[in-house]
Amino acid sequence: MAKVELFVGLKIPDTTAITTFHTLERMGFDIKKLKRQIYYKFDIDGDAKAFAKKVNKVDVLVNANKNTFANELKKEEEAVYVLVKDRDDKCEGLLSTLKQRLGLKEIKSMEKGILWALFVDEENAKEIARKLLYNEHYQEIQIL
């Protein structure tokens, strides 16, 4: 089984990221900047490159007018990457749309999350995640 990742960002200003940045400043964190992307991971049967070309064009995931996308994470220096995912989220509704309506039948499972790029040290990134970016009762984080 092959794995394909998709990172979707915004071409336009991300108001959620801007609000988060200012909130963190008010909370006393010395943060240089932050970025936010939607993260998708697909477990598929078949050719990963061919699937990536198809999934990159799916307007349910990537709106060509407002989104940027990449199939691998382009890490920036000085950034700590925090992935926030809902526990037990099988993405059933989206998965059904992709498989049934859009014909991407090679998808066996998928994950979705929010990837934050925090321009702070790793300890502050963990504290920021714990205090603002995720709810420990139904979400989990992963430092990439």
N, C-alpha and C. Protein backbone atom coordinates (compact mmCIF):
# COMPACT_ATOMS: atom_id res chain seq x y z
N MET A 1 0.85 -1.18 0.00
CA MET A 1 0.00 0.00 0.00
C MET A 1 0.89 1.24 0.00
N ALA A 2 0.59 2.19 -0.87
CA ALA A 2 1.36 3.42 -0.99
C ALA A 2 0.73 4.52 -0.15
N LYS A 3 1.55 5.50 0.20
CA LYS A 3 1.09 6.64 0.99
C LYS A 3 1.32 7.91 0.18
N VAL A 4 0.30 8.76 0.12
CA VAL A 4 0.41 10.06 -0.56
C VAL A 4 -0.03 11.13 0.42
N GLU A 5 0.80 12.15 0.57
CA GLU A 5 0.46 13.27 1.44
C GLU A 5 0.12 14.48 0.58
N LEU A 6 -0.73 15.33 1.11
CA LEU A 6 -1.12 16.56 0.43
C LEU A 6 -1.18 17.68 1.47
N PHE A 7 -0.44 18.74 1.20
CA PHE A 7 -0.39 19.91 2.07
C PHE A 7 -1.06 21.07 1.32
N VAL A 8 -2.13 21.61 1.88
CA VAL A 8 -2.92 22.64 1.21
C VAL A 8 -2.85 23.93 2.03
N GLY A 9 -2.35 24.99 1.39
CA GLY A 9 -2.27 26.29 2.04
C GLY A 9 -3.14 27.30 1.31
N LEU A 10 -3.06 28.54 1.74
CA LEU A 10 -3.86 29.60 1.14
C LEU A 10 -2.97 30.59 0.38
N LYS A 11 -3.44 31.04 -0.78
CA LYS A 11 -2.78 32.11 -1.52
C LYS A 11 -3.15 33.46 -0.91
N ILE A 12 -4.35 33.54 -0.39
CA ILE A 12 -4.86 34.77 0.21
C ILE A 12 -4.45 34.80 1.69
N PRO A 13 -4.51 35.96 2.34
CA PRO A 13 -4.17 36.00 3.77
C PRO A 13 -5.05 35.04 4.59
N ASP A 14 -4.41 34.31 5.47
CA ASP A 14 -5.09 33.31 6.30
C ASP A 14 -5.54 33.97 7.60
N THR A 15 -6.80 34.33 7.67
CA THR A 15 -7.30 35.05 8.84
C THR A 15 -7.23 34.21 10.12
N THR A 16 -7.36 32.90 9.99
CA THR A 16 -7.22 32.03 11.17
C THR A 16 -5.80 32.09 11.71
N ALA A 17 -4.82 32.03 10.82
CA ALA A 17 -3.42 32.10 11.24
C ALA A 17 -3.09 33.47 11.82
N ILE A 18 -3.62 34.52 11.22
CA ILE A 18 -3.37 35.88 11.73
C ILE A 18 -3.95 36.04 13.13
N THR A 19 -5.17 35.58 13.33
CA THR A 19 -5.81 35.65 14.65
C THR A 19 -5.03 34.83 15.67
N THR A 20 -4.59 33.65 15.27
CA THR A 20 -3.81 32.79 16.17
C THR A 20 -2.51 33.47 16.56
N PHE A 21 -1.83 34.08 15.59
CA PHE A 21 -0.58 34.79 15.85
C PHE A 21 -0.78 35.89 16.89
N HIS A 22 -1.79 36.72 16.69
CA HIS A 22 -2.03 37.83 17.63
C HIS A 22 -2.47 37.32 19.00
N THR A 23 -3.21 36.25 19.04
CA THR A 23 -3.60 35.65 20.32
C THR A 23 -2.37 35.16 21.07
N LEU A 24 -1.46 34.51 20.37
CA LEU A 24 -0.24 34.02 21.01
C LEU A 24 0.62 35.17 21.52
N GLU A 25 0.68 36.25 20.77
CA GLU A 25 1.41 37.43 21.25
C GLU A 25 0.79 37.96 22.54
N ARG A 26 -0.55 38.04 22.58
CA ARG A 26 -1.23 38.52 23.78
C ARG A 26 -1.05 37.56 24.96
N MET A 27 -0.84 36.28 24.65
CA MET A 27 -0.59 35.29 25.71
C MET A 27 0.85 35.36 26.22
N GLY A 28 1.68 36.20 25.59
CA GLY A 28 3.05 36.40 26.06
C GLY A 28 4.10 35.59 25.33
N PHE A 29 3.75 34.91 24.27
CA PHE A 29 4.73 34.13 23.52
C PHE A 29 5.49 35.04 22.56
N ASP A 30 6.81 34.81 22.49
CA ASP A 30 7.66 35.54 21.56
C ASP A 30 7.74 34.72 20.28
N ILE A 31 6.77 34.90 19.41
CA ILE A 31 6.68 34.12 18.18
C ILE A 31 6.97 35.04 17.00
N LYS A 32 7.85 34.59 16.11
CA LYS A 32 8.23 35.41 14.96
C LYS A 32 7.13 35.42 13.90
N LYS A 33 6.63 34.24 13.57
CA LYS A 33 5.52 34.11 12.62
C LYS A 33 4.97 32.70 12.73
N LEU A 34 3.85 32.47 12.07
CA LEU A 34 3.30 31.12 11.99
C LEU A 34 2.56 30.96 10.68
N LYS A 35 2.44 29.72 10.26
CA LYS A 35 1.71 29.39 9.04
C LYS A 35 0.82 28.19 9.33
N ARG A 36 -0.23 28.07 8.54
CA ARG A 36 -1.18 26.98 8.73
C ARG A 36 -1.47 26.34 7.38
N GLN A 37 -1.52 25.01 7.37
CA GLN A 37 -1.90 24.26 6.17
C GLN A 37 -2.84 23.14 6.58
N ILE A 38 -3.68 22.72 5.64
CA ILE A 38 -4.49 21.53 5.86
C ILE A 38 -3.67 20.35 5.36
N TYR A 39 -3.65 19.30 6.14
CA TYR A 39 -2.85 18.11 5.84
C TYR A 39 -3.77 16.94 5.54
N TYR A 40 -3.49 16.24 4.45
CA TYR A 40 -4.20 15.01 4.11
C TYR A 40 -3.17 13.91 3.89
N LYS A 41 -3.49 12.73 4.37
CA LYS A 41 -2.67 11.55 4.08
C LYS A 41 -3.60 10.47 3.55
N PHE A 42 -3.25 9.93 2.40
CA PHE A 42 -4.03 8.88 1.76
C PHE A 42 -3.24 7.59 1.71
N ASP A 43 -3.84 6.50 2.12
CA ASP A 43 -3.29 5.17 1.90
C ASP A 43 -4.02 4.62 0.69
N ILE A 44 -3.26 4.26 -0.33
CA ILE A 44 -3.88 3.88 -1.60
C ILE A 44 -3.31 2.56 -2.11
N ASP A 45 -4.06 1.93 -2.99
CA ASP A 45 -3.56 0.83 -3.80
C ASP A 45 -3.23 1.43 -5.15
N GLY A 46 -2.04 1.16 -5.65
CA GLY A 46 -1.69 1.67 -6.97
C GLY A 46 -0.49 2.59 -6.93
N ASP A 47 -0.31 3.30 -8.03
CA ASP A 47 0.84 4.17 -8.24
C ASP A 47 0.66 5.51 -7.50
N ALA A 48 1.58 5.80 -6.60
CA ALA A 48 1.49 7.02 -5.79
C ALA A 48 1.59 8.28 -6.64
N LYS A 49 2.49 8.30 -7.62
CA LYS A 49 2.66 9.50 -8.44
C LYS A 49 1.42 9.79 -9.27
N ALA A 50 0.85 8.76 -9.86
CA ALA A 50 -0.37 8.95 -10.66
C ALA A 50 -1.53 9.42 -9.79
N PHE A 51 -1.65 8.84 -8.60
CA PHE A 51 -2.71 9.27 -7.69
C PHE A 51 -2.51 10.72 -7.25
N ALA A 52 -1.26 11.09 -6.94
CA ALA A 52 -0.97 12.46 -6.51
C ALA A 52 -1.39 13.46 -7.58
N LYS A 53 -1.11 13.16 -8.84
CA LYS A 53 -1.52 14.06 -9.92
C LYS A 53 -3.04 14.24 -9.95
N LYS A 54 -3.76 13.15 -9.72
CA LYS A 54 -5.23 13.23 -9.73
C LYS A 54 -5.75 13.99 -8.52
N VAL A 55 -5.27 13.64 -7.35
CA VAL A 55 -5.83 14.23 -6.12
C VAL A 55 -5.49 15.72 -6.00
N ASN A 56 -4.37 16.13 -6.58
CA ASN A 56 -3.99 17.55 -6.55
C ASN A 56 -4.98 18.43 -7.30
N LYS A 57 -5.75 17.84 -8.20
CA LYS A 57 -6.70 18.60 -9.02
C LYS A 57 -8.13 18.52 -8.50
N VAL A 58 -8.34 17.82 -7.40
CA VAL A 58 -9.69 17.66 -6.86
C VAL A 58 -10.11 18.95 -6.16
N ASP A 59 -11.14 19.61 -6.70
CA ASP A 59 -11.52 20.92 -6.16
C ASP A 59 -12.15 20.85 -4.78
N VAL A 60 -12.55 19.68 -4.34
CA VAL A 60 -13.05 19.52 -2.97
C VAL A 60 -11.91 19.74 -1.97
N LEU A 61 -10.68 19.42 -2.38
CA LEU A 61 -9.51 19.56 -1.52
C LEU A 61 -8.70 20.82 -1.84
N VAL A 62 -8.55 21.11 -3.12
CA VAL A 62 -7.70 22.22 -3.57
C VAL A 62 -8.48 23.10 -4.54
N ASN A 63 -8.79 24.31 -4.11
CA ASN A 63 -9.43 25.29 -4.98
C ASN A 63 -8.31 26.07 -5.67
N ALA A 64 -8.19 25.91 -6.98
CA ALA A 64 -7.08 26.51 -7.73
C ALA A 64 -7.03 28.03 -7.59
N ASN A 65 -8.17 28.66 -7.30
CA ASN A 65 -8.20 30.12 -7.18
C ASN A 65 -7.65 30.63 -5.85
N LYS A 66 -7.72 29.83 -4.81
CA LYS A 66 -7.31 30.34 -3.50
C LYS A 66 -6.29 29.48 -2.76
N ASN A 67 -6.01 28.27 -3.25
CA ASN A 67 -5.12 27.37 -2.52
C ASN A 67 -3.81 27.11 -3.23
N THR A 68 -2.79 26.86 -2.43
CA THR A 68 -1.53 26.30 -2.91
C THR A 68 -1.50 24.85 -2.44
N PHE A 69 -0.67 24.03 -3.07
CA PHE A 69 -0.59 22.64 -2.62
C PHE A 69 0.80 22.08 -2.90
N ALA A 70 1.15 21.06 -2.15
CA ALA A 70 2.40 20.33 -2.35
C ALA A 70 2.18 18.91 -1.85
N ASN A 71 2.95 17.98 -2.39
CA ASN A 71 2.85 16.59 -1.96
C ASN A 71 3.94 16.20 -0.97
N GLU A 72 4.81 17.13 -0.68
CA GLU A 72 5.77 16.89 0.40
C GLU A 72 5.98 18.19 1.16
N LEU A 73 6.31 18.05 2.41
CA LEU A 73 6.48 19.20 3.28
C LEU A 73 7.80 19.88 2.97
N LYS A 74 7.72 21.16 2.66
CA LYS A 74 8.92 21.95 2.43
C LYS A 74 9.23 22.66 3.75
N LYS A 75 10.11 22.05 4.53
CA LYS A 75 10.41 22.59 5.86
C LYS A 75 11.24 23.86 5.76
N GLU A 76 10.85 24.84 6.55
CA GLU A 76 11.59 26.09 6.64
C GLU A 76 12.47 26.05 7.88
N GLU A 77 13.64 26.67 7.76
CA GLU A 77 14.54 26.75 8.91
C GLU A 77 13.86 27.52 10.03
N GLU A 78 14.17 27.16 11.23
CA GLU A 78 13.65 27.81 12.45
C GLU A 78 12.17 27.54 12.71
N ALA A 79 11.54 26.70 11.91
CA ALA A 79 10.13 26.39 12.14
C ALA A 79 10.01 25.03 12.82
N VAL A 80 9.07 24.95 13.74
CA VAL A 80 8.70 23.67 14.35
C VAL A 80 7.31 23.36 13.81
N TYR A 81 7.14 22.15 13.29
CA TYR A 81 5.88 21.77 12.66
C TYR A 81 5.06 20.91 13.62
N VAL A 82 3.85 21.37 13.88
CA VAL A 82 2.94 20.68 14.79
C VAL A 82 1.70 20.26 13.99
N LEU A 83 1.47 18.95 13.94
CA LEU A 83 0.30 18.41 13.25
C LEU A 83 -0.78 18.10 14.28
N VAL A 84 -1.96 18.67 14.10
CA VAL A 84 -3.09 18.47 15.00
C VAL A 84 -4.15 17.66 14.26
N LYS A 85 -4.51 16.50 14.82
CA LYS A 85 -5.53 15.65 14.20
C LYS A 85 -6.57 15.27 15.24
N ASP A 86 -7.82 15.13 14.77
CA ASP A 86 -8.88 14.64 15.64
C ASP A 86 -8.70 13.14 15.82
N ARG A 87 -8.83 12.67 17.05
CA ARG A 87 -8.76 11.23 17.30
C ARG A 87 -9.98 10.55 16.68
N ASP A 88 -9.78 9.36 16.21
CA ASP A 88 -10.87 8.53 15.66
C ASP A 88 -11.59 9.19 14.49
N ASP A 89 -10.95 10.12 13.80
CA ASP A 89 -11.57 10.74 12.62
C ASP A 89 -11.16 9.94 11.40
N LYS A 90 -12.10 9.22 10.83
CA LYS A 90 -11.84 8.40 9.65
C LYS A 90 -12.17 9.16 8.36
N CYS A 91 -12.58 10.41 8.49
CA CYS A 91 -12.92 11.25 7.33
C CYS A 91 -13.97 10.60 6.45
N GLU A 92 -14.95 9.96 7.06
CA GLU A 92 -15.91 9.14 6.31
C GLU A 92 -16.67 9.92 5.25
N GLY A 93 -17.14 11.12 5.57
CA GLY A 93 -17.90 11.90 4.59
C GLY A 93 -17.05 12.29 3.39
N LEU A 94 -15.87 12.83 3.67
CA LEU A 94 -14.96 13.23 2.61
C LEU A 94 -14.48 12.03 1.81
N LEU A 95 -14.17 10.96 2.51
CA LEU A 95 -13.71 9.73 1.85
C LEU A 95 -14.79 9.19 0.91
N SER A 96 -16.03 9.22 1.34
CA SER A 96 -17.14 8.78 0.50
C SER A 96 -17.25 9.64 -0.75
N THR A 97 -17.14 10.96 -0.58
CA THR A 97 -17.20 11.87 -1.73
C THR A 97 -16.08 11.58 -2.71
N LEU A 98 -14.87 11.40 -2.20
CA LEU A 98 -13.72 11.16 -3.08
C LEU A 98 -13.85 9.83 -3.83
N LYS A 99 -14.32 8.81 -3.13
CA LYS A 99 -14.41 7.48 -3.76
C LYS A 99 -15.63 7.34 -4.66
N GLN A 100 -16.78 7.74 -4.18
CA GLN A 100 -18.03 7.51 -4.91
C GLN A 100 -18.28 8.56 -5.99
N ARG A 101 -18.28 9.82 -5.58
CA ARG A 101 -18.65 10.88 -6.53
C ARG A 101 -17.51 11.22 -7.48
N LEU A 102 -16.27 11.18 -6.98
CA LEU A 102 -15.14 11.59 -7.81
C LEU A 102 -14.34 10.42 -8.37
N GLY A 103 -14.69 9.20 -8.02
CA GLY A 103 -14.09 8.03 -8.64
C GLY A 103 -12.68 7.67 -8.21
N LEU A 104 -12.23 8.17 -7.06
CA LEU A 104 -10.89 7.84 -6.57
C LEU A 104 -10.95 6.56 -5.73
N LYS A 105 -11.27 5.48 -6.38
CA LYS A 105 -11.53 4.21 -5.70
C LYS A 105 -10.27 3.56 -5.13
N GLU A 106 -9.09 4.04 -5.53
CA GLU A 106 -7.85 3.45 -5.02
C GLU A 106 -7.56 3.85 -3.57
N ILE A 107 -8.31 4.80 -3.03
CA ILE A 107 -8.10 5.21 -1.64
C ILE A 107 -8.63 4.13 -0.70
N LYS A 108 -7.78 3.67 0.19
CA LYS A 108 -8.19 2.67 1.19
C LYS A 108 -8.52 3.34 2.53
N SER A 109 -7.78 4.38 2.87
CA SER A 109 -8.07 5.14 4.09
C SER A 109 -7.42 6.51 3.94
N MET A 110 -7.83 7.42 4.81
CA MET A 110 -7.23 8.75 4.77
C MET A 110 -7.25 9.38 6.16
N GLU A 111 -6.39 10.37 6.33
CA GLU A 111 -6.32 11.16 7.55
C GLU A 111 -6.34 12.63 7.15
N LYS A 112 -6.82 13.45 8.07
CA LYS A 112 -6.85 14.89 7.84
C LYS A 112 -6.42 15.58 9.13
N GLY A 113 -5.72 16.68 8.98
CA GLY A 113 -5.31 17.45 10.15
C GLY A 113 -4.95 18.87 9.76
N ILE A 114 -4.54 19.63 10.76
CA ILE A 114 -4.05 20.99 10.55
C ILE A 114 -2.57 20.98 10.90
N LEU A 115 -1.76 21.46 9.98
CA LEU A 115 -0.32 21.54 10.19
C LEU A 115 0.05 22.99 10.45
N TRP A 116 0.60 23.22 11.63
CA TRP A 116 1.04 24.56 12.02
C TRP A 116 2.55 24.62 11.92
N ALA A 117 3.07 25.66 11.28
CA ALA A 117 4.50 25.95 11.28
C ALA A 117 4.70 27.10 12.25
N LEU A 118 5.35 26.81 13.37
CA LEU A 118 5.55 27.80 14.42
C LEU A 118 7.01 28.20 14.44
N PHE A 119 7.29 29.47 14.34
CA PHE A 119 8.66 29.95 14.31
C PHE A 119 9.09 30.35 15.72
N VAL A 120 9.27 29.29 16.53
CA VAL A 120 9.72 29.38 17.92
C VAL A 120 10.56 28.12 18.18
N ASP A 121 11.14 28.02 19.38
CA ASP A 121 11.87 26.80 19.70
C ASP A 121 10.87 25.68 20.02
N GLU A 122 11.37 24.44 20.04
CA GLU A 122 10.48 23.28 20.17
C GLU A 122 9.72 23.26 21.49
N GLU A 123 10.35 23.67 22.58
CA GLU A 123 9.64 23.69 23.87
C GLU A 123 8.47 24.67 23.85
N ASN A 124 8.70 25.86 23.30
CA ASN A 124 7.60 26.82 23.19
C ASN A 124 6.52 26.31 22.25
N ALA A 125 6.92 25.62 21.19
CA ALA A 125 5.94 25.06 20.25
C ALA A 125 5.03 24.06 20.96
N LYS A 126 5.61 23.22 21.80
CA LYS A 126 4.80 22.25 22.55
C LYS A 126 3.84 22.95 23.51
N GLU A 127 4.33 24.01 24.15
CA GLU A 127 3.48 24.75 25.09
C GLU A 127 2.35 25.48 24.34
N ILE A 128 2.68 26.07 23.20
CA ILE A 128 1.66 26.74 22.37
C ILE A 128 0.60 25.74 21.94
N ALA A 129 1.04 24.57 21.49
CA ALA A 129 0.09 23.54 21.06
C ALA A 129 -0.83 23.15 22.21
N ARG A 130 -0.24 22.94 23.38
CA ARG A 130 -1.01 22.51 24.54
C ARG A 130 -2.01 23.58 24.99
N LYS A 131 -1.60 24.84 24.94
CA LYS A 131 -2.44 25.92 25.47
C LYS A 131 -3.47 26.45 24.47
N LEU A 132 -3.22 26.29 23.16
CA LEU A 132 -4.12 26.93 22.20
C LEU A 132 -4.51 26.08 21.00
N LEU A 133 -3.60 25.28 20.46
CA LEU A 133 -3.84 24.68 19.15
C LEU A 133 -4.61 23.37 19.16
N TYR A 134 -4.67 22.70 20.29
CA TYR A 134 -5.42 21.43 20.30
C TYR A 134 -6.10 21.21 21.63
N ASN A 135 -7.12 20.37 21.59
CA ASN A 135 -7.87 19.98 22.79
C ASN A 135 -7.48 18.54 23.11
N GLU A 136 -6.83 18.33 24.22
CA GLU A 136 -6.30 17.01 24.58
C GLU A 136 -7.38 15.94 24.75
N HIS A 137 -8.63 16.35 24.89
CA HIS A 137 -9.70 15.38 25.10
C HIS A 137 -10.14 14.69 23.82
N TYR A 138 -9.97 15.34 22.67
CA TYR A 138 -10.38 14.67 21.43
C TYR A 138 -9.41 14.85 20.27
N GLN A 139 -8.28 15.50 20.54
CA GLN A 139 -7.29 15.68 19.49
C GLN A 139 -5.94 15.18 19.96
N GLU A 140 -5.04 14.99 18.99
CA GLU A 140 -3.67 14.59 19.30
C GLU A 140 -2.73 15.44 18.46
N ILE A 141 -1.51 15.59 18.96
CA ILE A 141 -0.52 16.34 18.20
C ILE A 141 0.67 15.46 17.90
N GLN A 142 1.37 15.88 16.87
CA GLN A 142 2.60 15.21 16.47
C GLN A 142 3.57 16.31 16.04
N ILE A 143 4.77 16.29 16.59
CA ILE A 143 5.80 17.24 16.18
C ILE A 143 6.56 16.60 15.02
N LEU A 144 6.58 17.28 13.89
CA LEU A 144 7.24 16.72 12.69
C LEU A 144 8.66 17.24 12.55
